[in-house]
Protein backbone atom coordinates (compact mmCIF):
# COMPACT_ATOMS: atom_id res chain seq x y z
CA MET A 1 73.39 105.62 26.10
CA GLU A 2 70.91 107.65 24.07
CA ILE A 3 68.42 105.77 21.88
CA SER A 4 65.49 106.81 19.69
CA VAL A 5 61.85 106.11 20.40
CA VAL A 6 60.14 104.88 17.21
CA LYS A 7 56.50 104.65 16.17
CA ILE A 8 55.10 101.10 16.04
CA GLY A 9 51.46 101.25 14.93
CA ASN A 10 49.58 103.28 17.54
CA SER A 11 52.36 102.67 20.08
CA LYS A 12 56.00 103.58 20.42
CA GLY A 13 59.00 101.40 21.10
CA ILE A 14 62.75 101.31 21.34
CA ARG A 15 65.33 99.34 19.39
CA LEU A 16 68.11 97.48 21.17
CA SER A 17 71.42 96.87 19.45
CA LYS A 18 72.59 93.35 18.71
CA THR A 19 75.45 93.91 21.16
CA LEU A 20 73.05 94.65 24.05
CA ILE A 21 70.80 91.73 23.11
CA GLU A 22 73.71 89.30 23.16
CA ARG A 23 75.43 90.78 26.22
CA TYR A 24 72.31 90.59 28.40
CA ASN A 25 70.89 87.41 26.86
CA ILE A 26 67.63 89.12 25.84
CA LYS A 27 65.03 86.83 24.29
CA ASP A 28 61.40 87.49 23.25
CA ARG A 29 60.19 88.72 26.64
CA MET A 30 61.56 91.04 29.33
CA ASP A 31 60.64 92.27 32.80
CA LEU A 32 59.66 95.95 32.87
CA ILE A 33 60.00 97.56 36.29
CA LEU A 34 58.56 101.02 36.93
CA GLU A 35 60.49 102.91 39.59
CA GLU A 36 60.12 106.49 40.83
CA ASP A 37 61.62 108.31 37.87
CA GLN A 38 62.90 105.52 35.65
CA ILE A 39 61.96 102.41 33.70
CA VAL A 40 64.15 99.34 34.19
CA LEU A 41 64.25 96.54 31.62
CA ARG A 42 65.61 93.16 32.69
CA PRO A 43 65.91 89.88 30.82
CA LEU A 44 63.09 87.60 31.92
CA ALA A 45 64.47 85.18 34.47
CA THR A 46 63.55 81.53 34.05
CA PRO A 47 64.89 79.95 37.24
CA ARG A 48 63.51 76.47 36.52
CA LYS A 49 64.50 76.34 32.87
CA GLY A 50 65.85 72.90 31.98
CA TRP A 51 64.46 71.18 35.06
CA GLU A 52 62.07 68.98 33.06
CA LYS A 53 64.91 67.58 30.97
CA ALA A 54 67.13 67.12 34.04
CA PHE A 55 64.37 65.27 35.93
CA LYS A 56 63.72 63.03 32.94
CA GLU A 57 67.42 62.15 32.75
CA MET A 58 67.49 61.49 36.50
CA ASN A 59 64.55 59.11 36.11
CA GLU A 60 66.18 57.29 33.20
CA ASN A 61 69.39 56.87 35.26
CA GLY A 62 67.51 55.77 38.37
CA ASP A 63 68.74 58.81 40.31
CA ASP A 64 65.29 60.02 41.41
CA GLU A 65 64.78 57.88 44.50
CA LEU A 66 63.68 59.57 47.73
CA LEU A 67 66.53 60.21 50.14
CA ILE A 68 64.14 60.59 53.09
CA ASN A 69 60.83 58.77 53.43
CA ASP A 70 57.89 61.08 52.86
CA VAL A 71 56.03 59.56 55.85
CA PHE A 72 58.03 58.81 58.98
CA GLU A 73 57.20 55.56 60.73
CA GLU A 74 57.33 57.11 64.21
CA ASP A 75 54.81 59.85 63.34
CA ASN A 76 51.36 59.49 64.84
CA LEU A 77 49.16 60.38 61.87
CA GLU A 78 45.95 59.73 63.82
CA GLU A 79 46.31 63.04 65.67
CA TRP A 80 45.91 64.86 62.34
CA GLU A 81 42.54 63.29 61.56
């Protein structure tokens, strides 16, 4: 796909079509990767997006109890002192 480079103040930029923006779920920020002879643009990944809300709901439902104790009774913690 050929696109035009446009002047933006003292810089230059590119315009992405609405179709590309929607297809690749592009928001306000992107990853720019410089490779040998090319520039790669990727939508910014947010792997933990929504976790805060999910954890809050888990707490409200009482689903956030530990499945395994964080300190095991048989461990000798004195050897770590």
